[in-house]
Amino acid sequence: MNPRILRFRVWDPIASRWTGLEVCIGQGYADLSDRDPLIITQFTGLTDSKGRDIYEGDIVSLVHSTSKNPYQGSVVCDNYAWHVNLSGWHVPFAELSKTYSRFETAEIVGNIFESPALLK
């Protein structure tokens, strides 16, 4: 049986930049314990409408099928499931899938580290 691969990207809050380091766990062990205070964000397994990987902490713009006004929220993991947090209203990723979707598009517009003003 092939192990499940978990992908992460790493934010350096001191340098205010992505490290360029992408961590994959599943074929070995990744030790970043000596690299404090790095922030590790996990790949959700989904891509946006332009084919870009969606990670925890990304800010996505959602266009609902009944409204052309986009909603913007951050990607979070809550109760062991991925959601988009729209000012306290959590949209489960199941609603973003191609088979069951109330949203026409889900597009990454930034992330909570580089562009937090997008959530205001």
N, C-alpha and C. Protein backbone atom coordinates (compact mmCIF):
# COMPACT_ATOMS: atom_id res chain seq x y z
N MET A 1 0.84 -1.18 0.00
CA MET A 1 0.00 0.00 0.00
C MET A 1 0.89 1.25 0.00
N ASN A 2 0.56 2.20 -0.87
CA ASN A 2 1.32 3.44 -0.93
C ASN A 2 0.89 4.36 0.21
N PRO A 3 1.86 5.01 0.87
CA PRO A 3 1.50 5.94 1.93
C PRO A 3 0.86 7.20 1.36
N ARG A 4 0.01 7.81 2.12
CA ARG A 4 -0.59 9.08 1.71
C ARG A 4 0.45 10.18 1.88
N ILE A 5 0.60 10.99 0.87
CA ILE A 5 1.57 12.07 0.91
C ILE A 5 0.88 13.34 1.43
N LEU A 6 1.44 13.93 2.46
CA LEU A 6 0.95 15.20 2.99
C LEU A 6 1.94 16.28 2.61
N ARG A 7 1.44 17.36 2.00
CA ARG A 7 2.30 18.45 1.56
C ARG A 7 2.06 19.69 2.41
N PHE A 8 3.14 20.40 2.67
CA PHE A 8 3.09 21.62 3.47
C PHE A 8 3.97 22.67 2.81
N ARG A 9 3.66 23.94 3.07
CA ARG A 9 4.57 25.02 2.71
C ARG A 9 4.89 25.77 3.99
N VAL A 10 5.97 26.53 3.97
CA VAL A 10 6.50 27.09 5.21
C VAL A 10 6.66 28.61 5.10
N TRP A 11 6.05 29.34 6.06
CA TRP A 11 6.12 30.80 6.13
C TRP A 11 7.10 31.20 7.23
N ASP A 12 7.99 32.13 6.92
CA ASP A 12 8.93 32.67 7.90
C ASP A 12 8.42 34.03 8.34
N PRO A 13 7.83 34.13 9.56
CA PRO A 13 7.26 35.41 10.00
C PRO A 13 8.31 36.49 10.29
N ILE A 14 9.53 36.09 10.56
CA ILE A 14 10.57 37.09 10.82
C ILE A 14 10.98 37.77 9.52
N ALA A 15 11.16 37.00 8.47
CA ALA A 15 11.54 37.56 7.16
C ALA A 15 10.32 37.98 6.35
N SER A 16 9.11 37.65 6.82
CA SER A 16 7.85 37.94 6.12
C SER A 16 7.87 37.44 4.69
N ARG A 17 8.20 36.15 4.55
CA ARG A 17 8.23 35.55 3.21
C ARG A 17 8.08 34.03 3.32
N TRP A 18 7.68 33.44 2.18
CA TRP A 18 7.67 31.98 2.09
C TRP A 18 9.11 31.53 1.97
N THR A 19 9.45 30.44 2.61
CA THR A 19 10.84 30.00 2.64
C THR A 19 11.28 29.34 1.35
N GLY A 20 10.35 28.92 0.52
CA GLY A 20 10.71 28.15 -0.67
C GLY A 20 10.81 26.68 -0.33
N LEU A 21 10.76 26.38 0.97
CA LEU A 21 10.81 25.00 1.43
C LEU A 21 9.42 24.41 1.37
N GLU A 22 9.26 23.32 0.66
CA GLU A 22 8.00 22.58 0.66
C GLU A 22 8.28 21.23 1.30
N VAL A 23 7.50 20.87 2.29
CA VAL A 23 7.72 19.66 3.05
C VAL A 23 6.71 18.61 2.61
N CYS A 24 7.19 17.41 2.33
CA CYS A 24 6.32 16.28 2.02
C CYS A 24 6.53 15.22 3.07
N ILE A 25 5.46 14.78 3.68
CA ILE A 25 5.53 13.73 4.69
C ILE A 25 4.74 12.54 4.15
N GLY A 26 5.26 11.38 4.29
CA GLY A 26 4.59 10.19 3.81
C GLY A 26 5.59 9.20 3.26
N GLN A 27 6.74 9.71 2.87
CA GLN A 27 7.81 8.84 2.39
C GLN A 27 9.02 8.94 3.31
N GLY A 28 8.83 9.58 4.42
CA GLY A 28 9.93 9.75 5.36
C GLY A 28 9.51 10.71 6.46
N TYR A 29 10.46 11.21 7.19
CA TYR A 29 10.20 12.07 8.33
C TYR A 29 10.81 13.44 8.08
N ALA A 30 10.05 14.47 8.30
CA ALA A 30 10.56 15.84 8.14
C ALA A 30 10.71 16.47 9.52
N ASP A 31 11.89 16.92 9.85
CA ASP A 31 12.15 17.53 11.15
C ASP A 31 12.47 19.00 10.95
N LEU A 32 11.56 19.86 11.39
CA LEU A 32 11.78 21.30 11.32
C LEU A 32 11.86 21.91 12.72
N SER A 33 12.11 21.08 13.73
CA SER A 33 12.07 21.55 15.11
C SER A 33 13.12 22.60 15.41
N ASP A 34 14.21 22.62 14.66
CA ASP A 34 15.26 23.61 14.91
C ASP A 34 15.04 24.89 14.12
N ARG A 35 13.89 25.03 13.48
CA ARG A 35 13.64 26.16 12.59
C ARG A 35 12.57 27.11 13.13
N ASP A 36 12.41 27.21 14.45
CA ASP A 36 11.42 28.12 15.01
C ASP A 36 11.70 29.53 14.53
N PRO A 37 10.77 30.36 14.39
CA PRO A 37 9.33 30.24 14.60
C PRO A 37 8.57 30.07 13.28
N LEU A 38 8.97 29.15 12.45
CA LEU A 38 8.31 28.94 11.17
C LEU A 38 6.85 28.53 11.34
N ILE A 39 6.03 28.93 10.38
CA ILE A 39 4.62 28.56 10.37
C ILE A 39 4.40 27.61 9.20
N ILE A 40 3.91 26.43 9.49
CA ILE A 40 3.72 25.41 8.47
C ILE A 40 2.24 25.34 8.11
N THR A 41 1.93 25.44 6.82
CA THR A 41 0.55 25.37 6.36
C THR A 41 0.38 24.15 5.46
N GLN A 42 -0.74 23.47 5.61
CA GLN A 42 -0.97 22.21 4.92
C GLN A 42 -1.74 22.37 3.61
N PHE A 43 -1.39 21.58 2.62
CA PHE A 43 -2.12 21.51 1.36
C PHE A 43 -3.45 20.82 1.62
N THR A 44 -4.54 21.38 1.08
CA THR A 44 -5.88 20.85 1.33
C THR A 44 -6.25 19.67 0.45
N GLY A 45 -5.52 19.50 -0.63
CA GLY A 45 -5.87 18.45 -1.59
C GLY A 45 -6.72 18.96 -2.73
N LEU A 46 -7.13 20.23 -2.68
CA LEU A 46 -7.95 20.82 -3.73
C LEU A 46 -7.20 21.92 -4.46
N THR A 47 -7.67 22.22 -5.66
CA THR A 47 -7.12 23.33 -6.42
C THR A 47 -8.23 24.35 -6.68
N ASP A 48 -7.82 25.59 -6.94
CA ASP A 48 -8.82 26.62 -7.24
C ASP A 48 -9.25 26.52 -8.70
N SER A 49 -10.08 27.45 -9.14
CA SER A 49 -10.62 27.40 -10.50
C SER A 49 -9.55 27.63 -11.57
N LYS A 50 -8.36 28.08 -11.16
CA LYS A 50 -7.25 28.25 -12.11
C LYS A 50 -6.22 27.13 -12.00
N GLY A 51 -6.53 26.12 -11.20
CA GLY A 51 -5.65 24.96 -11.07
C GLY A 51 -4.54 25.11 -10.05
N ARG A 52 -4.55 26.17 -9.22
CA ARG A 52 -3.51 26.39 -8.21
C ARG A 52 -3.85 25.63 -6.93
N ASP A 53 -2.85 25.05 -6.30
CA ASP A 53 -3.05 24.32 -5.04
C ASP A 53 -3.55 25.26 -3.95
N ILE A 54 -4.56 24.81 -3.20
CA ILE A 54 -5.10 25.59 -2.09
C ILE A 54 -4.49 25.08 -0.79
N TYR A 55 -3.88 25.99 -0.03
CA TYR A 55 -3.26 25.67 1.25
C TYR A 55 -4.02 26.34 2.39
N GLU A 56 -3.87 25.79 3.56
CA GLU A 56 -4.37 26.40 4.80
C GLU A 56 -3.82 27.83 4.86
N GLY A 57 -4.67 28.78 5.19
CA GLY A 57 -4.25 30.17 5.27
C GLY A 57 -4.42 30.96 3.99
N ASP A 58 -4.72 30.28 2.89
CA ASP A 58 -4.99 31.01 1.65
C ASP A 58 -6.31 31.78 1.79
N ILE A 59 -6.41 32.88 1.08
CA ILE A 59 -7.65 33.64 1.01
C ILE A 59 -8.25 33.35 -0.36
N VAL A 60 -9.48 32.86 -0.35
CA VAL A 60 -10.15 32.52 -1.61
C VAL A 60 -11.36 33.41 -1.81
N SER A 61 -11.62 33.70 -3.07
CA SER A 61 -12.80 34.45 -3.47
C SER A 61 -13.79 33.46 -4.04
N LEU A 62 -14.99 33.42 -3.49
CA LEU A 62 -16.04 32.50 -3.92
C LEU A 62 -17.16 33.27 -4.58
N VAL A 63 -17.59 32.81 -5.74
CA VAL A 63 -18.75 33.41 -6.40
C VAL A 63 -19.88 32.40 -6.30
N HIS A 64 -20.95 32.80 -5.61
CA HIS A 64 -22.12 31.94 -5.40
C HIS A 64 -22.95 31.86 -6.67
N SER A 65 -23.60 30.73 -6.88
CA SER A 65 -24.38 30.53 -8.11
C SER A 65 -25.58 31.46 -8.22
N THR A 66 -26.05 32.02 -7.09
CA THR A 66 -27.21 32.91 -7.14
C THR A 66 -26.83 34.39 -7.06
N SER A 67 -25.53 34.67 -6.92
CA SER A 67 -25.08 36.05 -6.81
C SER A 67 -23.73 36.19 -7.48
N LYS A 68 -23.52 37.28 -8.16
CA LYS A 68 -22.23 37.50 -8.81
C LYS A 68 -21.26 38.26 -7.91
N ASN A 69 -21.70 38.65 -6.70
CA ASN A 69 -20.82 39.32 -5.76
C ASN A 69 -19.96 38.29 -5.05
N PRO A 70 -18.64 38.43 -5.14
CA PRO A 70 -17.77 37.42 -4.51
C PRO A 70 -17.72 37.57 -2.99
N TYR A 71 -17.55 36.43 -2.34
CA TYR A 71 -17.29 36.36 -0.90
C TYR A 71 -15.82 36.00 -0.75
N GLN A 72 -15.12 36.61 0.21
CA GLN A 72 -13.72 36.27 0.44
C GLN A 72 -13.56 35.75 1.85
N GLY A 73 -12.80 34.67 1.98
CA GLY A 73 -12.55 34.08 3.28
C GLY A 73 -11.25 33.31 3.29
N SER A 74 -10.81 32.96 4.50
CA SER A 74 -9.56 32.23 4.64
C SER A 74 -9.83 30.74 4.81
N VAL A 75 -8.88 29.95 4.34
CA VAL A 75 -8.99 28.50 4.43
C VAL A 75 -8.50 28.05 5.80
N VAL A 76 -9.35 27.30 6.50
CA VAL A 76 -9.03 26.83 7.85
C VAL A 76 -9.39 25.34 7.97
N CYS A 77 -8.77 24.70 8.94
CA CYS A 77 -9.15 23.34 9.29
C CYS A 77 -9.89 23.43 10.63
N ASP A 78 -11.12 22.94 10.65
CA ASP A 78 -11.96 23.02 11.84
C ASP A 78 -12.64 21.67 12.03
N ASN A 79 -12.50 21.10 13.21
CA ASN A 79 -13.07 19.78 13.50
C ASN A 79 -12.65 18.75 12.45
N TYR A 80 -11.37 18.76 12.12
CA TYR A 80 -10.75 17.80 11.21
C TYR A 80 -11.28 17.88 9.78
N ALA A 81 -11.80 19.02 9.38
CA ALA A 81 -12.31 19.20 8.02
C ALA A 81 -11.92 20.59 7.52
N TRP A 82 -11.67 20.70 6.21
CA TRP A 82 -11.32 21.97 5.59
C TRP A 82 -12.56 22.80 5.33
N HIS A 83 -12.46 24.11 5.63
CA HIS A 83 -13.55 25.06 5.43
C HIS A 83 -12.97 26.37 4.90
N VAL A 84 -13.83 27.19 4.33
CA VAL A 84 -13.50 28.58 4.06
C VAL A 84 -14.28 29.39 5.08
N ASN A 85 -13.55 30.17 5.89
CA ASN A 85 -14.15 30.98 6.93
C ASN A 85 -14.55 32.34 6.35
N LEU A 86 -15.85 32.56 6.21
CA LEU A 86 -16.38 33.82 5.70
C LEU A 86 -16.98 34.59 6.86
N SER A 87 -16.14 35.29 7.61
CA SER A 87 -16.58 36.08 8.77
C SER A 87 -17.42 35.25 9.74
N GLY A 88 -16.91 34.08 10.10
CA GLY A 88 -17.60 33.22 11.06
C GLY A 88 -18.52 32.18 10.43
N TRP A 89 -18.86 32.35 9.18
CA TRP A 89 -19.69 31.37 8.47
C TRP A 89 -18.74 30.43 7.74
N HIS A 90 -18.74 29.17 8.11
CA HIS A 90 -17.80 28.21 7.53
C HIS A 90 -18.45 27.45 6.37
N VAL A 91 -17.82 27.55 5.20
CA VAL A 91 -18.27 26.82 4.01
C VAL A 91 -17.41 25.57 3.90
N PRO A 92 -18.00 24.37 4.06
CA PRO A 92 -17.21 23.14 3.93
C PRO A 92 -16.66 22.97 2.52
N PHE A 93 -15.48 22.39 2.41
CA PHE A 93 -14.88 22.17 1.10
C PHE A 93 -15.74 21.28 0.22
N ALA A 94 -16.58 20.45 0.81
CA ALA A 94 -17.48 19.61 0.01
C ALA A 94 -18.34 20.47 -0.90
N GLU A 95 -18.65 21.69 -0.46
CA GLU A 95 -19.47 22.59 -1.27
C GLU A 95 -18.65 23.28 -2.37
N LEU A 96 -17.34 23.08 -2.35
CA LEU A 96 -16.49 23.66 -3.39
C LEU A 96 -16.11 22.63 -4.45
N SER A 97 -16.48 21.37 -4.20
CA SER A 97 -16.10 20.32 -5.13
C SER A 97 -16.87 20.46 -6.44
N LYS A 98 -16.35 19.85 -7.48
CA LYS A 98 -16.97 19.96 -8.79
C LYS A 98 -18.31 19.22 -8.86
N THR A 99 -18.49 18.19 -8.04
CA THR A 99 -19.71 17.40 -8.12
C THR A 99 -20.87 18.01 -7.34
N TYR A 100 -20.57 18.70 -6.24
CA TYR A 100 -21.63 19.32 -5.45
C TYR A 100 -21.18 20.73 -5.12
N SER A 101 -21.67 21.70 -5.83
CA SER A 101 -21.18 23.04 -5.59
C SER A 101 -22.29 24.07 -5.75
N ARG A 102 -22.38 24.94 -4.74
CA ARG A 102 -23.25 26.11 -4.84
C ARG A 102 -22.44 27.30 -5.35
N PHE A 103 -21.16 27.08 -5.55
CA PHE A 103 -20.27 28.16 -5.97
C PHE A 103 -19.77 27.91 -7.38
N GLU A 104 -19.80 28.95 -8.21
CA GLU A 104 -19.33 28.82 -9.59
C GLU A 104 -17.82 28.82 -9.67
N THR A 105 -17.18 29.63 -8.84
CA THR A 105 -15.72 29.68 -8.83
C THR A 105 -15.19 29.81 -7.42
N ALA A 106 -14.00 29.30 -7.23
CA ALA A 106 -13.23 29.49 -6.00
C ALA A 106 -11.82 29.80 -6.46
N GLU A 107 -11.37 31.02 -6.20
CA GLU A 107 -10.07 31.45 -6.71
C GLU A 107 -9.23 32.02 -5.58
N ILE A 108 -7.96 31.60 -5.53
CA ILE A 108 -7.02 32.14 -4.54
C ILE A 108 -6.71 33.59 -4.92
N VAL A 109 -6.88 34.50 -3.94
CA VAL A 109 -6.58 35.92 -4.19
C VAL A 109 -5.45 36.42 -3.29
N GLY A 110 -4.99 35.59 -2.37
CA GLY A 110 -3.92 35.98 -1.46
C GLY A 110 -3.81 34.96 -0.35
N ASN A 111 -3.17 35.39 0.76
CA ASN A 111 -3.10 34.55 1.95
C ASN A 111 -3.05 35.44 3.18
N ILE A 112 -3.28 34.83 4.33
CA ILE A 112 -3.41 35.60 5.57
C ILE A 112 -2.10 36.23 6.03
N PHE A 113 -0.98 35.79 5.47
CA PHE A 113 0.32 36.31 5.88
C PHE A 113 0.74 37.52 5.04
N GLU A 114 0.56 37.43 3.74
CA GLU A 114 1.01 38.50 2.84
C GLU A 114 -0.07 39.55 2.55
N SER A 115 -1.32 39.15 2.64
CA SER A 115 -2.41 40.07 2.27
C SER A 115 -3.61 39.96 3.21
N PRO A 116 -3.41 40.17 4.53
CA PRO A 116 -4.52 40.05 5.47
C PRO A 116 -5.60 41.11 5.27
N ALA A 117 -5.28 42.23 4.64
CA ALA A 117 -6.26 43.29 4.42
C ALA A 117 -7.40 42.84 3.51
N LEU A 118 -7.19 41.77 2.75
CA LEU A 118 -8.26 41.26 1.88
C LEU A 118 -9.45 40.73 2.67
N LEU A 119 -9.24 40.45 3.95
CA LEU A 119 -10.33 39.91 4.77
C LEU A 119 -11.12 41.00 5.48
N LYS A 120 -10.73 42.25 5.34
CA LYS A 120 -11.43 43.34 6.04
C LYS A 120 -12.58 43.87 5.24
